[in-house]
Amino acid sequence: MTSSDVAVGEGTRVFLNFSVSLEDGSEVDSNFGGEPVSFVVGDGNLLPGFERVLMGMEPGQRHVFTVSPEDAFGQPNDNNVQTVARDHFDDDVALEIGLVFSFADAAGGELPGLIVAFDEEEVTVDFNHPLAGRTILFDVQVHRVEPAELH
């Protein structure tokens, strides 16, 4: 079986170009004009909602998919808006609404948080994904699909 006989599905490596845009047409990310990227279906590099729409696509096909918030970055969750004591921030940091800070998460990784309000005592930080609640236009061109080499 040649790679041209393979469609996107479980156990395949997919080589593609893509763009992610909002409904108003503003582009969030794109690798069109560059080298294709590859991923193995189910490896966690692509959100499941984005993987699902690719199933059955074949090399040479290009589609624009509309992905709902539930299948993309989720709906905003009020529990992800936290209040942090102002003294957690250095005194020389000029806080502004709209600034993004990096916070340590429980697993020792980094979690971006958006400053949405602050006063002398407290800073309100939104840890929702910036695209939460947004419908995403996912433009995909599949170049190659091949059986994944499982190690």
Protein backbone atom coordinates (compact mmCIF):
# COMPACT_ATOMS: atom_id res chain seq x y z
CA MET A 1 0.00 0.00 0.00
CA THR A 2 1.45 3.40 -0.94
CA SER A 3 0.94 6.56 1.04
CA SER A 4 -1.42 7.80 -1.66
CA ASP A 5 -3.82 4.97 -0.77
CA VAL A 6 -4.03 5.97 2.89
CA ALA A 7 -6.69 8.28 4.36
CA VAL A 8 -6.42 10.05 7.71
CA GLY A 9 -7.42 7.65 10.48
CA GLU A 10 -6.18 5.83 13.57
CA GLY A 11 -2.56 4.72 13.22
CA THR A 12 -1.61 7.26 10.55
CA ARG A 13 0.97 10.05 10.38
CA VAL A 14 -0.43 13.11 8.63
CA PHE A 15 1.59 15.83 6.88
CA LEU A 16 -0.39 19.04 6.48
CA ASN A 17 -0.49 22.79 6.33
CA PHE A 18 -3.12 24.57 8.37
CA SER A 19 -4.46 27.88 9.54
CA VAL A 20 -6.60 28.71 12.55
CA SER A 21 -8.84 31.77 12.23
CA LEU A 22 -11.74 33.34 14.06
CA GLU A 23 -15.17 33.83 12.54
CA ASP A 24 -14.34 37.47 11.79
CA GLY A 25 -11.52 36.26 9.55
CA SER A 26 -8.65 37.25 11.83
CA GLU A 27 -5.89 34.65 11.63
CA VAL A 28 -4.57 33.20 14.88
CA ASP A 29 -1.95 30.80 13.50
CA SER A 30 -0.88 29.47 10.12
CA ASN A 31 1.92 27.51 8.53
CA PHE A 32 0.76 27.94 4.94
CA GLY A 33 3.74 29.13 2.91
CA GLY A 34 6.04 27.00 5.07
CA GLU A 35 6.91 23.35 5.38
CA PRO A 36 4.06 21.01 6.31
CA VAL A 37 3.93 19.79 9.90
CA SER A 38 3.26 16.19 10.83
CA PHE A 39 1.54 14.45 13.69
CA VAL A 40 0.35 10.95 14.48
CA VAL A 41 -3.41 10.66 14.99
CA GLY A 42 -4.02 10.36 18.72
CA ASP A 43 -0.56 11.56 19.85
CA GLY A 44 -2.01 14.59 21.64
CA ASN A 45 -0.43 17.20 19.36
CA LEU A 46 -3.82 18.14 17.96
CA LEU A 47 -7.00 18.69 19.95
CA PRO A 48 -9.42 15.75 19.51
CA GLY A 49 -12.02 18.07 17.94
CA PHE A 50 -9.50 19.10 15.26
CA GLU A 51 -8.40 15.50 14.67
CA ARG A 52 -12.00 14.33 14.26
CA VAL A 53 -12.69 16.64 11.31
CA LEU A 54 -9.60 15.33 9.50
CA MET A 55 -10.74 11.69 9.55
CA GLY A 56 -11.09 10.30 6.05
CA MET A 57 -9.25 13.17 4.34
CA GLU A 58 -6.83 12.06 1.64
CA PRO A 59 -3.59 13.55 0.30
CA GLY A 60 -4.25 16.56 -1.92
CA GLN A 61 -7.52 17.51 -0.24
CA ARG A 62 -8.07 20.93 1.34
CA HIS A 63 -11.07 21.86 3.48
CA VAL A 64 -12.10 24.63 5.84
CA PHE A 65 -13.87 23.27 8.91
CA THR A 66 -15.89 25.23 11.45
CA VAL A 67 -15.03 23.89 14.90
CA SER A 68 -17.35 24.77 17.79
CA PRO A 69 -15.91 25.99 21.10
CA GLU A 70 -16.80 22.64 22.71
CA ASP A 71 -14.63 20.82 20.15
CA ALA A 72 -11.90 23.46 20.15
CA PHE A 73 -10.74 25.28 23.30
CA GLY A 74 -13.90 24.87 25.41
CA GLN A 75 -16.18 27.44 26.95
CA PRO A 76 -14.79 29.92 29.46
CA ASN A 77 -15.04 28.61 32.99
CA ASP A 78 -15.66 31.06 35.84
CA ASN A 79 -13.53 28.83 38.10
CA ASN A 80 -10.54 29.68 35.90
CA VAL A 81 -10.74 33.33 36.97
CA GLN A 82 -8.69 33.62 40.15
CA THR A 83 -7.85 36.40 42.58
CA VAL A 84 -4.19 36.64 43.56
CA ALA A 85 -2.76 38.82 46.34
CA ARG A 86 -1.04 41.91 44.89
CA ASP A 87 2.14 41.08 46.83
CA HIS A 88 2.65 38.00 44.61
CA PHE A 89 3.82 40.49 41.97
CA ASP A 90 7.09 42.41 42.26
CA ASP A 91 6.62 46.04 43.28
CA ASP A 92 8.38 47.23 40.13
CA VAL A 93 5.92 45.38 37.84
CA ALA A 94 3.53 47.85 36.20
CA LEU A 95 0.26 45.93 36.08
CA GLU A 96 -2.05 46.60 33.16
CA ILE A 97 -5.35 45.04 32.17
CA GLY A 98 -4.63 42.77 29.21
CA LEU A 99 -1.10 41.81 30.27
CA VAL A 100 -0.31 38.10 30.22
CA PHE A 101 1.83 36.66 33.01
CA SER A 102 3.24 33.17 33.33
CA PHE A 103 2.35 31.34 36.54
CA ALA A 104 3.63 28.00 37.82
CA ASP A 105 0.96 25.30 37.79
CA ALA A 106 0.65 22.40 40.24
CA ALA A 107 2.65 20.09 37.96
CA GLY A 108 5.55 22.55 37.78
CA GLY A 109 4.69 23.70 34.26
CA GLU A 110 3.80 27.19 33.16
CA LEU A 111 0.27 28.52 32.87
CA PRO A 112 -0.45 31.84 31.16
CA GLY A 113 -2.88 34.16 32.92
CA LEU A 114 -4.47 37.36 31.63
CA ILE A 115 -4.78 40.31 34.03
CA VAL A 116 -8.45 41.38 33.93
CA ALA A 117 -8.62 43.65 37.01
CA PHE A 118 -6.42 44.84 39.88
CA ASP A 119 -6.23 47.21 42.81
CA GLU A 120 -3.75 47.77 45.66
CA GLU A 121 -4.72 44.50 47.39
CA GLU A 122 -5.70 41.98 44.71
CA VAL A 123 -5.12 41.05 41.08
CA THR A 124 -7.81 39.17 39.13
CA VAL A 125 -6.29 36.72 36.64
CA ASP A 126 -8.15 34.83 33.89
CA PHE A 127 -6.56 31.43 33.23
CA ASN A 128 -9.07 30.44 30.51
CA HIS A 129 -7.51 29.70 27.13
CA PRO A 130 -7.54 32.94 25.08
CA LEU A 131 -9.66 31.18 22.44
CA ALA A 132 -12.15 29.67 24.91
CA GLY A 133 -15.71 30.32 23.78
CA ARG A 134 -14.63 31.07 20.21
CA THR A 135 -15.72 29.20 17.09
CA ILE A 136 -12.60 28.34 15.09
CA LEU A 137 -12.19 28.14 11.31
CA PHE A 138 -9.66 25.36 10.69
CA ASP A 139 -8.25 25.43 7.13
CA VAL A 140 -6.34 22.24 6.36
CA GLN A 141 -4.44 20.97 3.33
CA VAL A 142 -3.34 17.33 3.62
CA HIS A 143 -0.14 16.58 1.72
CA ARG A 144 0.74 13.06 2.77
CA VAL A 145 -0.75 10.31 4.94
CA GLU A 146 1.24 7.22 5.85
CA PRO A 147 1.05 4.40 8.36
CA ALA A 148 2.52 5.59 11.66
CA GLU A 149 5.62 3.85 12.90
CA LEU A 150 4.76 2.85 16.44
CA HIS A 151 7.73 2.57 18.75
